[in-house]
Amino acid sequence: MDSRTKRRLTGAELDALARRALGTGVTAATELTDGLANAVWRLRLSDGREVVLKLSPPPDLDQLSYERDLLRTEAAAIGLALEAGVPVAPLLRAGFDDPELGGDYLFLTALDGVSWNDTTPDDEGEVRRELGRLLARLNGVTGERFGYPYAGIVGATWREAFLAMVAALLGDTERWPTPLPRPAADLMAVFQAAAPVLDEVTTPRLVHFDAWKGNVFLDLSGPPRIQALIDHERAFWGDPLADLVTPTIFGELAEDDPLLAGYREVTPLELTPAALVRLDLYRAYLYLILLVENGPRQYPPDEYARVRDLALSSLDGVLDRLVHASSGTLR
């Protein structure tokens, strides 16, 4: 989808950047348009390599509060994922505050697999089970503080950090008026009332928080398997349960979901009543992101309408459940 946050470079500019960063020029360039935030190209280099280039938005473009230094988050998460045994597109070169570009960039090894969003594997349940295993491995990586360190939205506890994340996102609606199912202050009150369940989370863990099918690449040369998880830019330190939200976006997590079975092959996970409330908090946060991010990005209205409408209706339903849970029925 097109977005105002996607930086435009000419062929000559792409060639100059590749020569500066990798020491070789570009013989072919194709823009990859599936992403929603950063501009992405697949490049064929003069030395025969195929690489992917990701560019940060123009430096003068105002973004959401949590989106500060997204590519730095992604670079750090890629390294941590590799150490945890999670397949990713290897990082070849990262450039931050590049003086000629005026921003950040990442060069990644190009994948030869297929986006899960573009195919239906024969045994989709087994792929989903594998995704659960990989997310559990990623969530096994621990950190020192909760939240988004690069964006400065952090907390000493998960409750403190998560409420700061929500408050920052709702604060962004003051810069970009956003259609919401209820006033921002009322939304914040719902999050705050349900927040005591977050105190169960005491260790910051690496959360991808964007593992939808478009960010899962498959190797179909034999039995379908996951080649790599991509786009780690939305990663944060928090509750691993949050990584079960995007793979079930606009839906629910069922006990018989292969995703959950695969996760449990790596580490125990029980969906207690409190855990289900935490899942709803993260669903509400994700739906808010989908609504608020249109402010700086300005998606094409016709393409965005379906996502907006689904996010609005889904957010409204989750908020109702959170209000019900906070009323004391769980206790």
C-alpha atoms as a PDB file:
ATOM      1  CA  MET A   1       0.000   0.000   0.000  1.00  0.00           C
ATOM      2  CA  ASP A   2       1.256   3.470  -0.790  1.00  0.00           C
ATOM      3  CA  SER A   3       2.109   5.709   2.152  1.00  0.00           C
ATOM      4  CA  ARG A   4       3.433   9.219   2.645  1.00  0.00           C
ATOM      5  CA  THR A   5       6.151   7.751   4.874  1.00  0.00           C
ATOM      6  CA  LYS A   6       7.775   5.920   1.953  1.00  0.00           C
ATOM      7  CA  ARG A   7      10.831   7.759   0.724  1.00  0.00           C
ATOM      8  CA  ARG A   8      11.408   7.991  -3.038  1.00  0.00           C
ATOM      9  CA  LEU A   9      14.887   7.486  -4.520  1.00  0.00           C
ATOM     10  CA  THR A  10      15.904   7.567  -8.172  1.00  0.00           C
ATOM     11  CA  GLY A  11      17.882   4.770  -9.780  1.00  0.00           C
ATOM     12  CA  ALA A  12      21.009   6.897  -9.587  1.00  0.00           C
ATOM     13  CA  GLU A  13      20.455   7.528  -5.873  1.00  0.00           C
ATOM     14  CA  LEU A  14      19.948   3.807  -5.190  1.00  0.00           C
ATOM     15  CA  ASP A  15      23.147   3.041  -7.072  1.00  0.00           C
ATOM     16  CA  ALA A  16      25.120   5.649  -5.144  1.00  0.00           C
ATOM     17  CA  LEU A  17      23.855   4.345  -1.793  1.00  0.00           C
ATOM     18  CA  ALA A  18      24.731   0.736  -2.665  1.00  0.00           C
ATOM     19  CA  ARG A  19      28.227   1.751  -3.776  1.00  0.00           C
ATOM     20  CA  ARG A  20      28.767   3.689  -0.561  1.00  0.00           C
ATOM     21  CA  ALA A  21      27.411   0.961   1.719  1.00  0.00           C
ATOM     22  CA  LEU A  22      28.360  -2.269  -0.052  1.00  0.00           C
ATOM     23  CA  GLY A  23      31.059  -1.237  -2.494  1.00  0.00           C
ATOM     24  CA  THR A  24      29.154  -2.247  -5.614  1.00  0.00           C
ATOM     25  CA  GLY A  25      26.523  -0.726  -7.891  1.00  0.00           C
ATOM     26  CA  VAL A  26      22.933  -1.612  -8.801  1.00  0.00           C
ATOM     27  CA  THR A  27      21.968  -3.252 -12.091  1.00  0.00           C
ATOM     28  CA  ALA A  28      18.217  -3.654 -11.406  1.00  0.00           C
ATOM     29  CA  ALA A  29      15.781  -2.304  -8.820  1.00  0.00           C
ATOM     30  CA  THR A  30      12.190  -3.247  -7.990  1.00  0.00           C
ATOM     31  CA  GLU A  31      10.172  -1.498  -5.308  1.00  0.00           C
ATOM     32  CA  LEU A  32       8.358  -3.888  -2.945  1.00  0.00           C
ATOM     33  CA  THR A  33       5.004  -2.350  -2.091  1.00  0.00           C
ATOM     34  CA  ASP A  34       3.495  -4.812   0.434  1.00  0.00           C
ATOM     35  CA  GLY A  35       4.930  -2.943   3.432  1.00  0.00           C
ATOM     36  CA  LEU A  36       3.073  -0.051   5.033  1.00  0.00           C
ATOM     37  CA  ALA A  37       5.746   2.202   6.543  1.00  0.00           C
ATOM     38  CA  ASN A  38       9.276   2.081   5.175  1.00  0.00           C
ATOM     39  CA  ALA A  39      10.234   2.189   1.512  1.00  0.00           C
ATOM     40  CA  VAL A  40      11.667  -1.175   0.421  1.00  0.00           C
ATOM     41  CA  TRP A  41      13.500  -2.190  -2.763  1.00  0.00           C
ATOM     42  CA  ARG A  42      14.832  -5.474  -4.041  1.00  0.00           C
ATOM     43  CA  LEU A  43      18.140  -4.759  -5.772  1.00  0.00           C
ATOM     44  CA  ARG A  44      20.390  -6.782  -8.035  1.00  0.00           C
ATOM     45  CA  LEU A  45      23.979  -5.723  -7.477  1.00  0.00           C
ATOM     46  CA  SER A  46      26.827  -5.576  -9.967  1.00  0.00           C
ATOM     47  CA  ASP A  47      28.557  -8.441  -8.163  1.00  0.00           C
ATOM     48  CA  GLY A  48      25.513 -10.691  -8.690  1.00  0.00           C
ATOM     49  CA  ARG A  49      24.020 -10.511  -5.204  1.00  0.00           C
ATOM     50  CA  GLU A  50      20.315  -9.922  -4.588  1.00  0.00           C
ATOM     51  CA  VAL A  51      19.637  -7.658  -1.606  1.00  0.00           C
ATOM     52  CA  VAL A  52      16.768  -5.795   0.005  1.00  0.00           C
ATOM     53  CA  LEU A  53      17.113  -2.139   0.955  1.00  0.00           C
ATOM     54  CA  LYS A  54      14.892  -0.570   3.606  1.00  0.00           C
ATOM     55  CA  LEU A  55      14.834   3.200   4.049  1.00  0.00           C
ATOM     56  CA  SER A  56      13.517   5.206   6.959  1.00  0.00           C
ATOM     57  CA  PRO A  57      10.900   7.882   6.185  1.00  0.00           C
ATOM     58  CA  PRO A  58      12.075  11.389   5.241  1.00  0.00           C
ATOM     59  CA  PRO A  59      13.631  13.050   8.323  1.00  0.00           C
ATOM     60  CA  ASP A  60      11.257  16.010   8.175  1.00  0.00           C
ATOM     61  CA  LEU A  61       8.153  13.809   8.278  1.00  0.00           C
ATOM     62  CA  ASP A  62       6.337  13.700  11.600  1.00  0.00           C
ATOM     63  CA  GLN A  63       5.624  10.120  12.735  1.00  0.00           C
ATOM     64  CA  LEU A  64       3.853   8.340  15.560  1.00  0.00           C
ATOM     65  CA  SER A  65       5.579   8.565  18.927  1.00  0.00           C
ATOM     66  CA  TYR A  66       6.557   4.886  19.046  1.00  0.00           C
ATOM     67  CA  GLU A  67       7.939   4.953  15.490  1.00  0.00           C
ATOM     68  CA  ARG A  68      11.114   6.837  16.367  1.00  0.00           C
ATOM     69  CA  ASP A  69      14.194   5.033  14.964  1.00  0.00           C
ATOM     70  CA  LEU A  70      12.232   2.015  13.732  1.00  0.00           C
ATOM     71  CA  LEU A  71      15.106   0.676  11.633  1.00  0.00           C
ATOM     72  CA  ARG A  72      17.408   0.758  14.654  1.00  0.00           C
ATOM     73  CA  THR A  73      14.865  -1.373  16.486  1.00  0.00           C
ATOM     74  CA  GLU A  74      14.773  -3.752  13.543  1.00  0.00           C
ATOM     75  CA  ALA A  75      18.563  -4.044  13.290  1.00  0.00           C
ATOM     76  CA  ALA A  76      18.839  -4.869  16.988  1.00  0.00           C
ATOM     77  CA  ALA A  77      15.960  -7.373  16.836  1.00  0.00           C
ATOM     78  CA  ILE A  78      17.477  -9.183  13.829  1.00  0.00           C
ATOM     79  CA  GLY A  79      20.680  -9.823  15.738  1.00  0.00           C
ATOM     80  CA  LEU A  80      18.830 -11.067  18.797  1.00  0.00           C
ATOM     81  CA  ALA A  81      16.556 -13.294  16.713  1.00  0.00           C
ATOM     82  CA  LEU A  82      19.542 -14.946  15.028  1.00  0.00           C
ATOM     83  CA  GLU A  83      21.101 -15.659  18.402  1.00  0.00           C
ATOM     84  CA  ALA A  84      17.822 -17.288  19.481  1.00  0.00           C
ATOM     85  CA  GLY A  85      17.747 -19.569  16.437  1.00  0.00           C
ATOM     86  CA  VAL A  86      14.921 -17.740  14.700  1.00  0.00           C
ATOM     87  CA  PRO A  87      15.406 -17.543  10.910  1.00  0.00           C
ATOM     88  CA  VAL A  88      15.572 -13.991   9.569  1.00  0.00           C
ATOM     89  CA  ALA A  89      16.904 -12.191   6.505  1.00  0.00           C
ATOM     90  CA  PRO A  90      20.566 -11.590   7.439  1.00  0.00           C
ATOM     91  CA  LEU A  91      21.585  -7.969   7.923  1.00  0.00           C
ATOM     92  CA  LEU A  92      24.419  -6.968   5.582  1.00  0.00           C
ATOM     93  CA  ARG A  93      24.860  -3.318   6.490  1.00  0.00           C
ATOM     94  CA  ALA A  94      23.081  -0.752   8.625  1.00  0.00           C
ATOM     95  CA  GLY A  95      23.545   2.973   8.275  1.00  0.00           C
ATOM     96  CA  PHE A  96      22.167   5.422  10.812  1.00  0.00           C
ATOM     97  CA  ASP A  97      21.915   9.187  10.269  1.00  0.00           C
ATOM     98  CA  ASP A  98      23.629   8.734   6.904  1.00  0.00           C
ATOM     99  CA  PRO A  99      24.746  12.263   5.950  1.00  0.00           C
ATOM    100  CA  GLU A 100      24.031  11.936   2.223  1.00  0.00           C
ATOM    101  CA  LEU A 101      20.721  10.116   2.647  1.00  0.00           C
ATOM    102  CA  GLY A 102      19.571  12.120   5.635  1.00  0.00           C
ATOM    103  CA  GLY A 103      18.240   9.108   7.537  1.00  0.00           C
ATOM    104  CA  ASP A 104      18.665   5.404   8.281  1.00  0.00           C
ATOM    105  CA  TYR A 105      18.913   2.392   5.996  1.00  0.00           C
ATOM    106  CA  LEU A 106      19.300  -1.381   6.200  1.00  0.00           C
ATOM    107  CA  PHE A 107      20.701  -3.713   3.536  1.00  0.00           C
ATOM    108  CA  LEU A 108      19.445  -7.283   3.996  1.00  0.00           C
ATOM    109  CA  THR A 109      20.103 -10.505   2.108  1.00  0.00           C
ATOM    110  CA  ALA A 110      17.180 -11.055  -0.275  1.00  0.00           C
ATOM    111  CA  LEU A 111      15.057 -14.122   0.400  1.00  0.00           C
ATOM    112  CA  ASP A 112      14.183 -16.605  -2.347  1.00  0.00           C
ATOM    113  CA  GLY A 113      11.032 -17.832  -0.619  1.00  0.00           C
ATOM    114  CA  VAL A 114       7.413 -16.763  -0.958  1.00  0.00           C
ATOM    115  CA  SER A 115       5.385 -14.546   1.344  1.00  0.00           C
ATOM    116  CA  TRP A 116       2.771 -16.623   3.169  1.00  0.00           C
ATOM    117  CA  ASN A 117       0.314 -13.893   2.235  1.00  0.00           C
ATOM    118  CA  ASP A 118       0.779 -14.794  -1.448  1.00  0.00           C
ATOM    119  CA  THR A 119       0.293 -18.550  -1.221  1.00  0.00           C
ATOM    120  CA  THR A 120      -1.702 -21.243   0.562  1.00  0.00           C
ATOM    121  CA  PRO A 121       0.617 -24.099   1.587  1.00  0.00           C
ATOM    122  CA  ASP A 122      -0.708 -27.654   1.479  1.00  0.00           C
ATOM    123  CA  ASP A 123      -0.399 -28.092   5.237  1.00  0.00           C
ATOM    124  CA  GLU A 124      -1.125 -24.618   6.579  1.00  0.00           C
ATOM    125  CA  GLY A 125      -1.684 -25.992  10.064  1.00  0.00           C
ATOM    126  CA  GLU A 126       1.891 -27.270  10.242  1.00  0.00           C
ATOM    127  CA  VAL A 127       3.235 -23.892   9.084  1.00  0.00           C
ATOM    128  CA  ARG A 128       1.165 -22.237  11.773  1.00  0.00           C
ATOM    129  CA  ARG A 129       2.566 -24.674  14.338  1.00  0.00           C
ATOM    130  CA  GLU A 130       6.104 -23.810  13.215  1.00  0.00           C
ATOM    131  CA  LEU A 131       5.319 -20.108  13.561  1.00  0.00           C
ATOM    132  CA  GLY A 132       4.272 -20.773  17.160  1.00  0.00           C
ATOM    133  CA  ARG A 133       7.582 -22.487  17.864  1.00  0.00           C
ATOM    134  CA  LEU A 134       9.582 -19.626  16.345  1.00  0.00           C
ATOM    135  CA  LEU A 135       7.684 -16.956  18.258  1.00  0.00           C
ATOM    136  CA  ALA A 136       8.276 -18.872  21.489  1.00  0.00           C
ATOM    137  CA  ARG A 137      12.012 -18.918  20.756  1.00  0.00           C
ATOM    138  CA  LEU A 138      12.017 -15.210  20.011  1.00  0.00           C
ATOM    139  CA  ASN A 139      10.078 -14.510  23.204  1.00  0.00           C
ATOM    140  CA  GLY A 140      12.753 -16.396  25.124  1.00  0.00           C
ATOM    141  CA  VAL A 141      15.102 -13.427  24.590  1.00  0.00           C
ATOM    142  CA  THR A 142      15.068 -11.244  27.706  1.00  0.00           C
ATOM    143  CA  GLY A 143      15.913  -7.566  28.110  1.00  0.00           C
ATOM    144  CA  GLU A 144      16.563  -5.019  30.821  1.00  0.00           C
ATOM    145  CA  ARG A 145      13.508  -2.754  30.578  1.00  0.00           C
ATOM    146  CA  PHE A 146      10.005  -2.774  29.193  1.00  0.00           C
ATOM    147  CA  GLY A 147       8.683  -0.839  26.215  1.00  0.00           C
ATOM    148  CA  TYR A 148      10.281   0.833  23.191  1.00  0.00           C
ATOM    149  CA  PRO A 149      13.808   1.889  24.231  1.00  0.00           C
ATOM    150  CA  TYR A 150      14.647   3.689  20.978  1.00  0.00           C
ATOM    151  CA  ALA A 151      11.445   5.721  21.169  1.00  0.00           C
ATOM    152  CA  GLY A 152      11.970   6.515  24.853  1.00  0.00           C
ATOM    153  CA  ILE A 153       8.628   4.931  25.809  1.00  0.00           C
ATOM    154  CA  VAL A 154       9.699   2.653  28.639  1.00  0.00           C
ATOM    155  CA  GLY A 155       8.794   1.656  32.163  1.00  0.00           C
ATOM    156  CA  ALA A 156      10.213  -0.115  35.194  1.00  0.00           C
ATOM    157  CA  THR A 157       7.215  -2.477  35.118  1.00  0.00           C
ATOM    158  CA  TRP A 158       5.206  -3.874  32.228  1.00  0.00           C
ATOM    159  CA  ARG A 159       2.076  -2.121  33.465  1.00  0.00           C
ATOM    160  CA  GLU A 160       3.879   1.214  33.506  1.00  0.00           C
ATOM    161  CA  ALA A 161       5.432   0.698  30.064  1.00  0.00           C
ATOM    162  CA  PHE A 162       2.283  -0.585  28.376  1.00  0.00           C
ATOM    163  CA  LEU A 163       0.126   2.245  29.687  1.00  0.00           C
ATOM    164  CA  ALA A 164       2.803   4.686  28.490  1.00  0.00           C
ATOM    165  CA  MET A 165       2.659   3.018  25.049  1.00  0.00           C
ATOM    166  CA  VAL A 166      -1.118   3.417  24.928  1.00  0.00           C
ATOM    167  CA  ALA A 167      -0.970   7.001  26.217  1.00  0.00           C
ATOM    168  CA  ALA A 168       1.598   7.921  23.553  1.00  0.00           C
ATOM    169  CA  LEU A 169      -0.588   6.466  20.817  1.00  0.00           C
ATOM    170  CA  LEU A 170      -3.703   8.251  22.067  1.00  0.00           C
ATOM    171  CA  GLY A 171      -1.642  11.422  22.393  1.00  0.00           C
ATOM    172  CA  ASP A 172      -0.831  11.107  18.695  1.00  0.00           C
ATOM    173  CA  THR A 173      -4.540  11.545  17.935  1.00  0.00           C
ATOM    174  CA  GLU A 174      -4.173  15.175  19.034  1.00  0.00           C
ATOM    175  CA  ARG A 175      -1.839  15.719  16.068  1.00  0.00           C
ATOM    176  CA  TRP A 176      -3.838  13.539  13.705  1.00  0.00           C
ATOM    177  CA  PRO A 177      -7.590  13.435  14.412  1.00  0.00           C
ATOM    178  CA  THR A 178      -8.561   9.761  14.242  1.00  0.00           C
ATOM    179  CA  PRO A 179     -11.947   8.010  14.082  1.00  0.00           C
ATOM    180  CA  LEU A 180     -12.309   6.169  17.392  1.00  0.00           C
ATOM    181  CA  PRO A 181     -15.279   4.218  18.799  1.00  0.00           C
ATOM    182  CA  ARG A 182     -15.240   6.373  21.944  1.00  0.00           C
ATOM    183  CA  PRO A 183     -13.336   9.454  23.226  1.00  0.00           C
ATOM    184  CA  ALA A 184      -9.598   9.062  23.836  1.00  0.00           C
ATOM    185  CA  ALA A 185      -9.960   9.751  27.571  1.00  0.00           C
ATOM    186  CA  ASP A 186     -12.591   7.009  27.870  1.00  0.00           C
ATOM    187  CA  LEU A 187     -10.358   4.615  25.955  1.00  0.00           C
ATOM    188  CA  MET A 188      -7.472   5.315  28.306  1.00  0.00           C
ATOM    189  CA  ALA A 189      -9.724   4.688  31.277  1.00  0.00           C
ATOM    190  CA  VAL A 190     -10.622   1.237  29.926  1.00  0.00           C
ATOM    191  CA  PHE A 191      -6.948   0.339  29.555  1.00  0.00           C
ATOM    192  CA  GLN A 192      -6.133   1.612  33.045  1.00  0.00           C
ATOM    193  CA  ALA A 193      -8.996  -0.290  34.676  1.00  0.00           C
ATOM    194  CA  ALA A 194      -7.879  -3.599  33.126  1.00  0.00           C
ATOM    195  CA  ALA A 195      -4.160  -2.972  33.654  1.00  0.00           C
ATOM    196  CA  PRO A 196      -3.681  -4.833  36.999  1.00  0.00           C
ATOM    197  CA  VAL A 197      -3.476  -8.138  35.071  1.00  0.00           C
ATOM    198  CA  LEU A 198      -0.266  -6.836  33.485  1.00  0.00           C
ATOM    199  CA  ASP A 199       1.515  -7.181  36.819  1.00  0.00           C
ATOM    200  CA  GLU A 200       1.776 -10.920  36.126  1.00  0.00           C
ATOM    201  CA  VAL A 201       4.519 -10.046  33.599  1.00  0.00           C
ATOM    202  CA  THR A 202       7.780  -9.478  35.456  1.00  0.00           C
ATOM    203  CA  THR A 203      10.478 -10.086  32.802  1.00  0.00           C
ATOM    204  CA  PRO A 204      10.887  -8.002  29.635  1.00  0.00           C
ATOM    205  CA  ARG A 205      10.839 -10.347  26.638  1.00  0.00           C
ATOM    206  CA  LEU A 206      11.389  -9.626  22.964  1.00  0.00           C
ATOM    207  CA  VAL A 207       8.061  -9.358  21.129  1.00  0.00           C
ATOM    208  CA  HIS A 208       7.844  -9.127  17.312  1.00  0.00           C
ATOM    209  CA  PHE A 209       4.226  -7.868  17.346  1.00  0.00           C
ATOM    210  CA  ASP A 210       3.851  -7.972  13.558  1.00  0.00           C
ATOM    211  CA  ALA A 211       3.890 -11.668  12.657  1.00  0.00           C
ATOM    212  CA  TRP A 212       1.043 -11.582  10.147  1.00  0.00           C
ATOM    213  CA  LYS A 213       1.281 -13.720   6.997  1.00  0.00           C
ATOM    214  CA  GLY A 214       2.896 -10.951   4.968  1.00  0.00           C
ATOM    215  CA  ASN A 215       5.877 -10.991   7.328  1.00  0.00           C
ATOM    216  CA  VAL A 216       6.395 -14.757   7.171  1.00  0.00           C
ATOM    217  CA  PHE A 217       8.401 -16.104   4.213  1.00  0.00           C
ATOM    218  CA  LEU A 218       8.020 -19.746   3.231  1.00  0.00           C
ATOM    219  CA  ASP A 219      10.377 -22.195   1.566  1.00  0.00           C
ATOM    220  CA  LEU A 220       8.218 -24.286  -0.781  1.00  0.00           C
ATOM    221  CA  SER A 221      11.049 -26.301  -2.366  1.00  0.00           C
ATOM    222  CA  GLY A 222       9.954 -29.301  -0.273  1.00  0.00           C
ATOM    223  CA  PRO A 223       7.398 -29.665   2.502  1.00  0.00           C
ATOM    224  CA  PRO A 224       6.392 -26.070   3.370  1.00  0.00           C
ATOM    225  CA  ARG A 225       8.522 -24.542   6.100  1.00  0.00           C
ATOM    226  CA  ILE A 226       9.221 -21.041   7.342  1.00  0.00           C
ATOM    227  CA  GLN A 227      12.284 -19.523   5.706  1.00  0.00           C
ATOM    228  CA  ALA A 228      12.301 -16.296   7.733  1.00  0.00           C
ATOM    229  CA  LEU A 229      10.366 -13.857   9.856  1.00  0.00           C
ATOM    230  CA  ILE A 230      10.798 -10.329   8.510  1.00  0.00           C
ATOM    231  CA  ASP A 231       9.945  -6.735   9.476  1.00  0.00           C
ATOM    232  CA  HIS A 232      10.995  -6.596  13.125  1.00  0.00           C
ATOM    233  CA  GLU A 233      10.629  -2.816  13.283  1.00  0.00           C
ATOM    234  CA  ARG A 234       7.568  -2.852  15.581  1.00  0.00           C
ATOM    235  CA  ALA A 235       9.349  -5.038  18.156  1.00  0.00           C
ATOM    236  CA  PHE A 236       9.215  -4.115  21.828  1.00  0.00           C
ATOM    237  CA  TRP A 237      10.146  -5.551  25.214  1.00  0.00           C
ATOM    238  CA  GLY A 238       7.098  -6.848  27.036  1.00  0.00           C
ATOM    239  CA  ASP A 239       4.655  -9.719  27.405  1.00  0.00           C
ATOM    240  CA  PRO A 240       5.188 -12.677  25.023  1.00  0.00           C
ATOM    241  CA  LEU A 241       1.415 -13.196  24.899  1.00  0.00           C
ATOM    242  CA  ALA A 242       1.284 -10.108  22.675  1.00  0.00           C
ATOM    243  CA  ASP A 243       2.907 -12.100  19.859  1.00  0.00           C
ATOM    244  CA  LEU A 244      -0.207 -14.265  19.573  1.00  0.00           C
ATOM    245  CA  VAL A 245      -2.353 -11.260  18.609  1.00  0.00           C
ATOM    246  CA  THR A 246      -1.193 -10.356  15.103  1.00  0.00           C
ATOM    247  CA  PRO A 247      -1.347 -13.958  13.774  1.00  0.00           C
ATOM    248  CA  THR A 248      -5.018 -13.978  14.877  1.00  0.00           C
ATOM    249  CA  ILE A 249      -5.800 -10.381  13.863  1.00  0.00           C
ATOM    250  CA  PHE A 250      -9.523  -9.552  13.701  1.00  0.00           C
ATOM    251  CA  GLY A 251     -10.196 -12.951  15.253  1.00  0.00           C
ATOM    252  CA  GLU A 252      -9.686 -14.971  18.420  1.00  0.00           C
ATOM    253  CA  LEU A 253      -7.070 -17.432  19.661  1.00  0.00           C
ATOM    254  CA  ALA A 254      -8.638 -20.889  19.977  1.00  0.00           C
ATOM    255  CA  GLU A 255      -7.256 -23.610  22.224  1.00  0.00           C
ATOM    256  CA  ASP A 256      -6.956 -25.944  19.236  1.00  0.00           C
ATOM    257  CA  ASP A 257      -5.033 -23.412  17.119  1.00  0.00           C
ATOM    258  CA  PRO A 258      -1.807 -25.039  15.794  1.00  0.00           C
ATOM    259  CA  LEU A 259      -0.077 -21.723  16.569  1.00  0.00           C
ATOM    260  CA  LEU A 260      -0.690 -22.316  20.263  1.00  0.00           C
ATOM    261  CA  ALA A 261       0.300 -25.991  20.030  1.00  0.00           C
ATOM    262  CA  GLY A 262       3.610 -25.070  18.452  1.00  0.00           C
ATOM    263  CA  TYR A 263       4.271 -22.405  21.056  1.00  0.00           C
ATOM    264  CA  ARG A 264       3.676 -24.948  23.820  1.00  0.00           C
ATOM    265  CA  GLU A 265       6.222 -27.312  22.264  1.00  0.00           C
ATOM    266  CA  VAL A 266       8.870 -24.771  23.305  1.00  0.00           C
ATOM    267  CA  THR A 267       7.505 -23.362  26.558  1.00  0.00           C
ATOM    268  CA  PRO A 268       4.424 -23.805  28.756  1.00  0.00           C
ATOM    269  CA  LEU A 269       1.568 -21.375  28.155  1.00  0.00           C
ATOM    270  CA  GLU A 270      -1.803 -21.413  29.900  1.00  0.00           C
ATOM    271  CA  LEU A 271      -4.679 -19.212  28.759  1.00  0.00           C
ATOM    272  CA  THR A 272      -5.975 -18.306  32.194  1.00  0.00           C
ATOM    273  CA  PRO A 273      -8.789 -15.747  32.581  1.00  0.00           C
ATOM    274  CA  ALA A 274      -6.171 -13.079  33.360  1.00  0.00           C
ATOM    275  CA  ALA A 275      -4.123 -14.086  30.309  1.00  0.00           C
ATOM    276  CA  LEU A 276      -7.211 -13.666  28.113  1.00  0.00           C
ATOM    277  CA  VAL A 277      -7.650 -10.134  29.449  1.00  0.00           C
ATOM    278  CA  ARG A 278      -4.011  -9.393  28.638  1.00  0.00           C
ATOM    279  CA  LEU A 279      -4.592 -10.659  25.108  1.00  0.00           C
ATOM    280  CA  ASP A 280      -7.541  -8.297  24.765  1.00  0.00           C
ATOM    281  CA  LEU A 281      -5.426  -5.374  25.959  1.00  0.00           C
ATOM    282  CA  TYR A 282      -2.888  -6.120  23.229  1.00  0.00           C
ATOM    283  CA  ARG A 283      -5.623  -6.571  20.624  1.00  0.00           C
ATOM    284  CA  ALA A 284      -7.025  -3.175  21.528  1.00  0.00           C
ATOM    285  CA  TYR A 285      -3.556  -1.647  21.260  1.00  0.00           C
ATOM    286  CA  LEU A 286      -2.983  -3.198  17.818  1.00  0.00           C
ATOM    287  CA  TYR A 287      -6.349  -1.983  16.509  1.00  0.00           C
ATOM    288  CA  LEU A 288      -5.541   1.502  17.803  1.00  0.00           C
ATOM    289  CA  ILE A 289      -2.257   1.430  15.880  1.00  0.00           C
ATOM    290  CA  LEU A 290      -4.110   0.508  12.680  1.00  0.00           C
ATOM    291  CA  LEU A 291      -6.396   3.492  13.155  1.00  0.00           C
ATOM    292  CA  VAL A 292      -3.924   6.141  14.317  1.00  0.00           C
ATOM    293  CA  GLU A 293      -1.121   5.326  11.873  1.00  0.00           C
ATOM    294  CA  ASN A 294      -3.187   6.556   8.937  1.00  0.00           C
ATOM    295  CA  GLY A 295      -2.575  10.097  10.212  1.00  0.00           C
ATOM    296  CA  PRO A 296       1.084  10.404   9.198  1.00  0.00           C
ATOM    297  CA  ARG A 297       0.916   7.786   6.439  1.00  0.00           C
ATOM    298  CA  GLN A 298      -2.202   8.962   4.568  1.00  0.00           C
ATOM    299  CA  TYR A 299      -3.066   5.665   2.896  1.00  0.00           C
ATOM    300  CA  PRO A 300      -5.142   5.694  -0.312  1.00  0.00           C
ATOM    301  CA  PRO A 301      -8.724   5.983   1.060  1.00  0.00           C
ATOM    302  CA  ASP A 302     -10.218   3.162  -0.999  1.00  0.00           C
ATOM    303  CA  GLU A 303      -7.456   0.706  -0.080  1.00  0.00           C
ATOM    304  CA  TYR A 304      -7.486   1.639   3.606  1.00  0.00           C
ATOM    305  CA  ALA A 305     -11.281   1.614   4.109  1.00  0.00           C
ATOM    306  CA  ARG A 306     -11.559  -2.120   4.814  1.00  0.00           C
ATOM    307  CA  VAL A 307      -8.731  -2.120   7.392  1.00  0.00           C
ATOM    308  CA  ARG A 308     -10.164   1.004   9.067  1.00  0.00           C
ATOM    309  CA  ASP A 309     -13.660  -0.461   9.341  1.00  0.00           C
ATOM    310  CA  LEU A 310     -12.425  -3.803  10.667  1.00  0.00           C
ATOM    311  CA  ALA A 311     -10.174  -2.065  13.210  1.00  0.00           C
ATOM    312  CA  LEU A 312     -13.017   0.170  14.414  1.00  0.00           C
ATOM    313  CA  SER A 313     -15.517  -2.644  14.892  1.00  0.00           C
ATOM    314  CA  SER A 314     -12.945  -5.011  16.403  1.00  0.00           C
ATOM    315  CA  LEU A 315     -11.679  -2.357  18.812  1.00  0.00           C
ATOM    316  CA  ASP A 316     -15.207  -1.585  19.958  1.00  0.00           C
ATOM    317  CA  GLY A 317     -15.894  -5.253  20.688  1.00  0.00           C
ATOM    318  CA  VAL A 318     -12.638  -5.746  22.598  1.00  0.00           C
ATOM    319  CA  LEU A 319     -13.244  -2.604  24.661  1.00  0.00           C
ATOM    320  CA  ASP A 320     -16.626  -3.968  25.710  1.00  0.00           C
ATOM    321  CA  ARG A 321     -14.980  -7.195  26.871  1.00  0.00           C
ATOM    322  CA  LEU A 322     -12.329  -5.277  28.812  1.00  0.00           C
ATOM    323  CA  VAL A 323     -14.968  -3.201  30.556  1.00  0.00           C
ATOM    324  CA  HIS A 324     -16.809  -6.390  31.479  1.00  0.00           C
ATOM    325  CA  ALA A 325     -13.603  -8.002  32.781  1.00  0.00           C
ATOM    326  CA  SER A 326     -12.747  -4.932  34.870  1.00  0.00           C
ATOM    327  CA  SER A 327     -16.178  -4.864  36.474  1.00  0.00           C
ATOM    328  CA  GLY A 328     -15.162  -7.674  38.826  1.00  0.00           C
ATOM    329  CA  THR A 329     -16.552 -10.656  36.978  1.00  0.00           C
ATOM    330  CA  LEU A 330     -13.068 -12.176  36.758  1.00  0.00           C
ATOM    331  CA  ARG A 331     -12.382 -11.917  40.452  1.00  0.00           C
END
